[in-house]
Amino acid sequence: MKSTVSYKNYLIRAESFQREKNGEWIPQYNFTRQNIASKGNDFPAQQYQLNEALPTEDAADDFALRKAMEWIDKN
């Protein structure tokens, strides 16, 4: 399950993955800012792989989304 949510003018996508077949899931996310009124390449985008391993894709995606929201709140 790949989760995508809109949060505080950002579009966040969970992209968790497995390094090994039937292995644990590594949480990863990327986000981009939505609705930019300025011209040019003035929208931040970020992708981040977390240093966690979770038993299911859903758990890893949920964790990644929470961490992305925390990053947005702090910045």
PDB file of N, CA and C in Angstrom:
ATOM      1  N   MET A   1       0.843  -1.181   0.000  1.00  0.00           N
ATOM      2  CA  MET A   1       0.000   0.000   0.000  1.00  0.00           C
ATOM      3  C   MET A   1       0.885   1.241   0.000  1.00  0.00           C
ATOM      4  N   LYS A   2       0.756   2.059  -0.991  1.00  0.00           N
ATOM      5  CA  LYS A   2       1.477   3.319  -1.044  1.00  0.00           C
ATOM      6  C   LYS A   2       0.506   4.414  -0.632  1.00  0.00           C
ATOM      7  N   SER A   3       0.800   5.070   0.476  1.00  0.00           N
ATOM      8  CA  SER A   3      -0.088   6.085   1.021  1.00  0.00           C
ATOM      9  C   SER A   3       0.341   7.473   0.575  1.00  0.00           C
ATOM     10  N   THR A   4      -0.629   8.292   0.197  1.00  0.00           N
ATOM     11  CA  THR A   4      -0.371   9.684  -0.138  1.00  0.00           C
ATOM     12  C   THR A   4      -1.366  10.539   0.626  1.00  0.00           C
ATOM     13  N   VAL A   5      -0.856  11.594   1.284  1.00  0.00           N
ATOM     14  CA  VAL A   5      -1.726  12.493   2.023  1.00  0.00           C
ATOM     15  C   VAL A   5      -1.324  13.941   1.735  1.00  0.00           C
ATOM     16  N   SER A   6      -2.294  14.816   1.882  1.00  0.00           N
ATOM     17  CA  SER A   6      -2.044  16.246   1.798  1.00  0.00           C
ATOM     18  C   SER A   6      -1.955  16.764   3.232  1.00  0.00           C
ATOM     19  N   TYR A   7      -0.909  17.543   3.521  1.00  0.00           N
ATOM     20  CA  TYR A   7      -0.694  18.037   4.880  1.00  0.00           C
ATOM     21  C   TYR A   7      -0.020  19.402   4.813  1.00  0.00           C
ATOM     22  N   LYS A   8      -0.681  20.426   5.344  1.00  0.00           N
ATOM     23  CA  LYS A   8      -0.130  21.783   5.420  1.00  0.00           C
ATOM     24  C   LYS A   8       0.513  22.230   4.105  1.00  0.00           C
ATOM     25  N   ASN A   9      -0.223  22.116   3.041  1.00  0.00           N
ATOM     26  CA  ASN A   9       0.213  22.548   1.722  1.00  0.00           C
ATOM     27  C   ASN A   9       1.356  21.701   1.135  1.00  0.00           C
ATOM     28  N   TYR A  10       1.533  20.502   1.639  1.00  0.00           N
ATOM     29  CA  TYR A  10       2.498  19.547   1.096  1.00  0.00           C
ATOM     30  C   TYR A  10       1.751  18.284   0.682  1.00  0.00           C
ATOM     31  N   LEU A  11       2.244  17.632  -0.320  1.00  0.00           N
ATOM     32  CA  LEU A  11       1.758  16.322  -0.711  1.00  0.00           C
ATOM     33  C   LEU A  11       2.828  15.318  -0.303  1.00  0.00           C
ATOM     34  N   ILE A  12       2.487  14.423   0.615  1.00  0.00           N
ATOM     35  CA  ILE A  12       3.432  13.451   1.161  1.00  0.00           C
ATOM     36  C   ILE A  12       3.073  12.070   0.626  1.00  0.00           C
ATOM     37  N   ARG A  13       4.084  11.347   0.179  1.00  0.00           N
ATOM     38  CA  ARG A  13       3.877   9.979  -0.308  1.00  0.00           C
ATOM     39  C   ARG A  13       4.803   9.035   0.442  1.00  0.00           C
ATOM     40  N   ALA A  14       4.207   8.020   1.047  1.00  0.00           N
ATOM     41  CA  ALA A  14       4.991   6.969   1.701  1.00  0.00           C
ATOM     42  C   ALA A  14       5.462   6.002   0.620  1.00  0.00           C
ATOM     43  N   GLU A  15       6.731   5.653   0.663  1.00  0.00           N
ATOM     44  CA  GLU A  15       7.327   4.756  -0.338  1.00  0.00           C
ATOM     45  C   GLU A  15       8.177   3.688   0.337  1.00  0.00           C
ATOM     46  N   SER A  16       7.634   3.041   1.322  1.00  0.00           N
ATOM     47  CA  SER A  16       8.371   2.017   2.058  1.00  0.00           C
ATOM     48  C   SER A  16       8.719   0.844   1.141  1.00  0.00           C
ATOM     49  N   PHE A  17       9.790   0.143   1.478  1.00  0.00           N
ATOM     50  CA  PHE A  17      10.277  -0.938   0.614  1.00  0.00           C
ATOM     51  C   PHE A  17      10.962  -2.010   1.445  1.00  0.00           C
ATOM     52  N   GLN A  18      11.181  -3.151   0.808  1.00  0.00           N
ATOM     53  CA  GLN A  18      11.916  -4.262   1.411  1.00  0.00           C
ATOM     54  C   GLN A  18      13.264  -4.389   0.726  1.00  0.00           C
ATOM     55  N   ARG A  19      14.309  -4.570   1.515  1.00  0.00           N
ATOM     56  CA  ARG A  19      15.643  -4.809   0.937  1.00  0.00           C
ATOM     57  C   ARG A  19      15.804  -6.254   0.492  1.00  0.00           C
ATOM     58  N   GLU A  20      15.108  -7.148   1.191  1.00  0.00           N
ATOM     59  CA  GLU A  20      15.157  -8.577   0.870  1.00  0.00           C
ATOM     60  C   GLU A  20      13.735  -9.097   0.731  1.00  0.00           C
ATOM     61  N   LYS A  21      13.549 -10.055  -0.155  1.00  0.00           N
ATOM     62  CA  LYS A  21      12.234 -10.658  -0.314  1.00  0.00           C
ATOM     63  C   LYS A  21      11.800 -11.243   1.032  1.00  0.00           C
ATOM     64  N   ASN A  22      10.596 -10.952   1.431  1.00  0.00           N
ATOM     65  CA  ASN A  22      10.031 -11.395   2.713  1.00  0.00           C
ATOM     66  C   ASN A  22      10.752 -10.805   3.919  1.00  0.00           C
ATOM     67  N   GLY A  23      11.495  -9.730   3.722  1.00  0.00           N
ATOM     68  CA  GLY A  23      12.195  -9.080   4.829  1.00  0.00           C
ATOM     69  C   GLY A  23      11.338  -7.990   5.462  1.00  0.00           C
ATOM     70  N   GLU A  24      11.946  -7.269   6.379  1.00  0.00           N
ATOM     71  CA  GLU A  24      11.242  -6.174   7.029  1.00  0.00           C
ATOM     72  C   GLU A  24      11.130  -4.985   6.068  1.00  0.00           C
ATOM     73  N   TRP A  25      10.221  -4.076   6.391  1.00  0.00           N
ATOM     74  CA  TRP A  25       9.949  -2.915   5.559  1.00  0.00           C
ATOM     75  C   TRP A  25      10.693  -1.703   6.090  1.00  0.00           C
ATOM     76  N   ILE A  26      11.330  -0.975   5.190  1.00  0.00           N
ATOM     77  CA  ILE A  26      12.072   0.237   5.521  1.00  0.00           C
ATOM     78  C   ILE A  26      11.186   1.436   5.174  1.00  0.00           C
ATOM     79  N   PRO A  27      10.860   2.267   6.172  1.00  0.00           N
ATOM     80  CA  PRO A  27      10.014   3.427   5.886  1.00  0.00           C
ATOM     81  C   PRO A  27      10.779   4.479   5.073  1.00  0.00           C
ATOM     82  N   GLN A  28      10.101   5.009   4.089  1.00  0.00           N
ATOM     83  CA  GLN A  28      10.681   6.066   3.262  1.00  0.00           C
ATOM     84  C   GLN A  28       9.536   6.971   2.806  1.00  0.00           C
ATOM     85  N   TYR A  29       9.819   8.258   2.677  1.00  0.00           N
ATOM     86  CA  TYR A  29       8.789   9.173   2.175  1.00  0.00           C
ATOM     87  C   TYR A  29       9.412  10.180   1.232  1.00  0.00           C
ATOM     88  N   ASN A  30       8.559  10.805   0.441  1.00  0.00           N
ATOM     89  CA  ASN A  30       8.952  11.999  -0.286  1.00  0.00           C
ATOM     90  C   ASN A  30       7.792  12.976  -0.207  1.00  0.00           C
ATOM     91  N   PHE A  31       8.110  14.253  -0.334  1.00  0.00           N
ATOM     92  CA  PHE A  31       7.036  15.232  -0.367  1.00  0.00           C
ATOM     93  C   PHE A  31       7.406  16.400  -1.261  1.00  0.00           C
ATOM     94  N   THR A  32       6.367  17.066  -1.720  1.00  0.00           N
ATOM     95  CA  THR A  32       6.518  18.284  -2.499  1.00  0.00           C
ATOM     96  C   THR A  32       5.486  19.287  -2.013  1.00  0.00           C
ATOM     97  N   ARG A  33       5.828  20.542  -2.132  1.00  0.00           N
ATOM     98  CA  ARG A  33       4.893  21.591  -1.755  1.00  0.00           C
ATOM     99  C   ARG A  33       3.865  21.743  -2.865  1.00  0.00           C
ATOM    100  N   GLN A  34       2.617  21.962  -2.485  1.00  0.00           N
ATOM    101  CA  GLN A  34       1.527  22.137  -3.437  1.00  0.00           C
ATOM    102  C   GLN A  34       1.220  23.621  -3.637  1.00  0.00           C
ATOM    103  N   ASN A  35       0.592  23.929  -4.738  1.00  0.00           N
ATOM    104  CA  ASN A  35       0.030  25.265  -4.987  1.00  0.00           C
ATOM    105  C   ASN A  35       1.029  26.393  -4.816  1.00  0.00           C
ATOM    106  N   ILE A  36       2.128  26.328  -5.518  1.00  0.00           N
ATOM    107  CA  ILE A  36       3.135  27.377  -5.460  1.00  0.00           C
ATOM    108  C   ILE A  36       2.736  28.498  -6.413  1.00  0.00           C
ATOM    109  N   ALA A  37       2.643  29.710  -5.889  1.00  0.00           N
ATOM    110  CA  ALA A  37       2.236  30.856  -6.702  1.00  0.00           C
ATOM    111  C   ALA A  37       3.419  31.520  -7.393  1.00  0.00           C
ATOM    112  N   SER A  38       4.624  31.330  -6.896  1.00  0.00           N
ATOM    113  CA  SER A  38       5.794  31.988  -7.476  1.00  0.00           C
ATOM    114  C   SER A  38       6.240  31.278  -8.745  1.00  0.00           C
ATOM    115  N   LYS A  39       7.151  31.911  -9.464  1.00  0.00           N
ATOM    116  CA  LYS A  39       7.633  31.376 -10.737  1.00  0.00           C
ATOM    117  C   LYS A  39       8.915  30.573 -10.535  1.00  0.00           C
ATOM    118  N   GLY A  40       9.221  29.740 -11.506  1.00  0.00           N
ATOM    119  CA  GLY A  40      10.477  28.994 -11.454  1.00  0.00           C
ATOM    120  C   GLY A  40      10.379  27.730 -10.623  1.00  0.00           C
ATOM    121  N   ASN A  41      11.534  27.218 -10.224  1.00  0.00           N
ATOM    122  CA  ASN A  41      11.618  25.995  -9.422  1.00  0.00           C
ATOM    123  C   ASN A  41      11.638  26.331  -7.945  1.00  0.00           C
ATOM    124  N   ASP A  42      10.633  27.014  -7.497  1.00  0.00           N
ATOM    125  CA  ASP A  42      10.597  27.481  -6.112  1.00  0.00           C
ATOM    126  C   ASP A  42       9.714  26.589  -5.245  1.00  0.00           C
ATOM    127  N   PHE A  43       9.811  25.275  -5.408  1.00  0.00           N
ATOM    128  CA  PHE A  43       9.072  24.421  -4.496  1.00  0.00           C
ATOM    129  C   PHE A  43      10.002  23.340  -3.965  1.00  0.00           C
ATOM    130  N   PRO A  44      10.071  23.258  -2.658  1.00  0.00           N
ATOM    131  CA  PRO A  44      10.950  22.247  -2.069  1.00  0.00           C
ATOM    132  C   PRO A  44      10.382  20.841  -2.248  1.00  0.00           C
ATOM    133  N   ALA A  45      11.262  19.929  -2.460  1.00  0.00           N
ATOM    134  CA  ALA A  45      10.917  18.517  -2.504  1.00  0.00           C
ATOM    135  C   ALA A  45      11.965  17.792  -1.690  1.00  0.00           C
ATOM    136  N   GLN A  46      11.551  16.752  -1.030  1.00  0.00           N
ATOM    137  CA  GLN A  46      12.495  15.999  -0.204  1.00  0.00           C
ATOM    138  C   GLN A  46      12.120  14.535  -0.233  1.00  0.00           C
ATOM    139  N   GLN A  47      13.133  13.697  -0.227  1.00  0.00           N
ATOM    140  CA  GLN A  47      12.936  12.269  -0.059  1.00  0.00           C
ATOM    141  C   GLN A  47      13.823  11.843   1.097  1.00  0.00           C
ATOM    142  N   TYR A  48      13.298  10.980   1.960  1.00  0.00           N
ATOM    143  CA  TYR A  48      14.068  10.584   3.128  1.00  0.00           C
ATOM    144  C   TYR A  48      13.789   9.127   3.470  1.00  0.00           C
ATOM    145  N   GLN A  49      14.859   8.391   3.682  1.00  0.00           N
ATOM    146  CA  GLN A  49      14.773   6.995   4.113  1.00  0.00           C
ATOM    147  C   GLN A  49      15.084   6.961   5.602  1.00  0.00           C
ATOM    148  N   LEU A  50      14.208   6.362   6.378  1.00  0.00           N
ATOM    149  CA  LEU A  50      14.350   6.329   7.828  1.00  0.00           C
ATOM    150  C   LEU A  50      15.161   5.112   8.275  1.00  0.00           C
ATOM    151  N   ASN A  51      15.781   5.230   9.432  1.00  0.00           N
ATOM    152  CA  ASN A  51      16.612   4.154   9.983  1.00  0.00           C
ATOM    153  C   ASN A  51      15.796   3.258  10.905  1.00  0.00           C
ATOM    154  N   GLU A  52      14.736   2.738  10.378  1.00  0.00           N
ATOM    155  CA  GLU A  52      13.862   1.835  11.127  1.00  0.00           C
ATOM    156  C   GLU A  52      13.561   0.647  10.223  1.00  0.00           C
ATOM    157  N   ALA A  53      13.090  -0.426  10.805  1.00  0.00           N
ATOM    158  CA  ALA A  53      12.610  -1.584  10.054  1.00  0.00           C
ATOM    159  C   ALA A  53      11.347  -2.068  10.745  1.00  0.00           C
ATOM    160  N   LEU A  54      10.285  -2.200   9.981  1.00  0.00           N
ATOM    161  CA  LEU A  54       8.992  -2.586  10.542  1.00  0.00           C
ATOM    162  C   LEU A  54       8.472  -3.851   9.850  1.00  0.00           C
ATOM    163  N   PRO A  55       7.605  -4.584  10.530  1.00  0.00           N
ATOM    164  CA  PRO A  55       7.200  -5.893  10.008  1.00  0.00           C
ATOM    165  C   PRO A  55       6.274  -5.855   8.790  1.00  0.00           C
ATOM    166  N   THR A  56       5.521  -4.755   8.602  1.00  0.00           N
ATOM    167  CA  THR A  56       4.586  -4.707   7.477  1.00  0.00           C
ATOM    168  C   THR A  56       4.742  -3.402   6.698  1.00  0.00           C
ATOM    169  N   GLU A  57       4.304  -3.440   5.451  1.00  0.00           N
ATOM    170  CA  GLU A  57       4.349  -2.247   4.607  1.00  0.00           C
ATOM    171  C   GLU A  57       3.449  -1.150   5.179  1.00  0.00           C
ATOM    172  N   ASP A  58       2.261  -1.518   5.632  1.00  0.00           N
ATOM    173  CA  ASP A  58       1.341  -0.529   6.202  1.00  0.00           C
ATOM    174  C   ASP A  58       1.954   0.177   7.408  1.00  0.00           C
ATOM    175  N   ALA A  59       2.580  -0.587   8.294  1.00  0.00           N
ATOM    176  CA  ALA A  59       3.205   0.006   9.484  1.00  0.00           C
ATOM    177  C   ALA A  59       4.336   0.942   9.083  1.00  0.00           C
ATOM    178  N   ALA A  60       5.139   0.526   8.101  1.00  0.00           N
ATOM    179  CA  ALA A  60       6.252   1.354   7.639  1.00  0.00           C
ATOM    180  C   ALA A  60       5.741   2.628   6.964  1.00  0.00           C
ATOM    181  N   ASP A  61       4.704   2.512   6.143  1.00  0.00           N
ATOM    182  CA  ASP A  61       4.128   3.692   5.492  1.00  0.00           C
ATOM    183  C   ASP A  61       3.551   4.663   6.517  1.00  0.00           C
ATOM    184  N   ASP A  62       2.823   4.151   7.498  1.00  0.00           N
ATOM    185  CA  ASP A  62       2.258   5.011   8.556  1.00  0.00           C
ATOM    186  C   ASP A  62       3.367   5.736   9.308  1.00  0.00           C
ATOM    187  N   PHE A  63       4.424   5.022   9.638  1.00  0.00           N
ATOM    188  CA  PHE A  63       5.560   5.608  10.348  1.00  0.00           C
ATOM    189  C   PHE A  63       6.206   6.698   9.493  1.00  0.00           C
ATOM    190  N   ALA A  64       6.402   6.422   8.209  1.00  0.00           N
ATOM    191  CA  ALA A  64       7.009   7.398   7.299  1.00  0.00           C
ATOM    192  C   ALA A  64       6.148   8.662   7.199  1.00  0.00           C
ATOM    193  N   LEU A  65       4.842   8.497   7.087  1.00  0.00           N
ATOM    194  CA  LEU A  65       3.955   9.662   7.004  1.00  0.00           C
ATOM    195  C   LEU A  65       4.026  10.503   8.276  1.00  0.00           C
ATOM    196  N   ARG A  66       4.036   9.856   9.430  1.00  0.00           N
ATOM    197  CA  ARG A  66       4.142  10.597  10.702  1.00  0.00           C
ATOM    198  C   ARG A  66       5.447  11.371  10.773  1.00  0.00           C
ATOM    199  N   LYS A  67       6.548  10.747  10.366  1.00  0.00           N
ATOM    200  CA  LYS A  67       7.854  11.427  10.400  1.00  0.00           C
ATOM    201  C   LYS A  67       7.900  12.590   9.416  1.00  0.00           C
ATOM    202  N   ALA A  68       7.314  12.444   8.260  1.00  0.00           N
ATOM    203  CA  ALA A  68       7.266  13.560   7.296  1.00  0.00           C
ATOM    204  C   ALA A  68       6.472  14.724   7.874  1.00  0.00           C
ATOM    205  N   MET A  69       5.349  14.442   8.511  1.00  0.00           N
ATOM    206  CA  MET A  69       4.538  15.500   9.131  1.00  0.00           C
ATOM    207  C   MET A  69       5.315  16.210  10.237  1.00  0.00           C
ATOM    208  N   GLU A  70       6.051  15.442  11.032  1.00  0.00           N
ATOM    209  CA  GLU A  70       6.887  16.048  12.077  1.00  0.00           C
ATOM    210  C   GLU A  70       7.933  16.981  11.475  1.00  0.00           C
ATOM    211  N   TRP A  71       8.567  16.547  10.367  1.00  0.00           N
ATOM    212  CA  TRP A  71       9.575  17.376   9.712  1.00  0.00           C
ATOM    213  C   TRP A  71       8.951  18.674   9.207  1.00  0.00           C
ATOM    214  N   ILE A  72       7.790  18.575   8.597  1.00  0.00           N
ATOM    215  CA  ILE A  72       7.092  19.760   8.083  1.00  0.00           C
ATOM    216  C   ILE A  72       6.754  20.701   9.233  1.00  0.00           C
ATOM    217  N   ASP A  73       6.265  20.167  10.337  1.00  0.00           N
ATOM    218  CA  ASP A  73       5.906  20.996  11.502  1.00  0.00           C
ATOM    219  C   ASP A  73       7.116  21.750  12.051  1.00  0.00           C
ATOM    220  N   LYS A  74       8.271  21.119  12.046  1.00  0.00           N
ATOM    221  CA  LYS A  74       9.484  21.744  12.590  1.00  0.00           C
ATOM    222  C   LYS A  74      10.095  22.754  11.643  1.00  0.00           C
ATOM    223  N   ASN A  75       9.862  22.609  10.350  1.00  0.00           N
ATOM    224  CA  ASN A  75      10.484  23.470   9.360  1.00  0.00           C
ATOM    225  C   ASN A  75       9.440  24.323   8.741  1.00  0.00           C
TER     226      ASN A  75
END
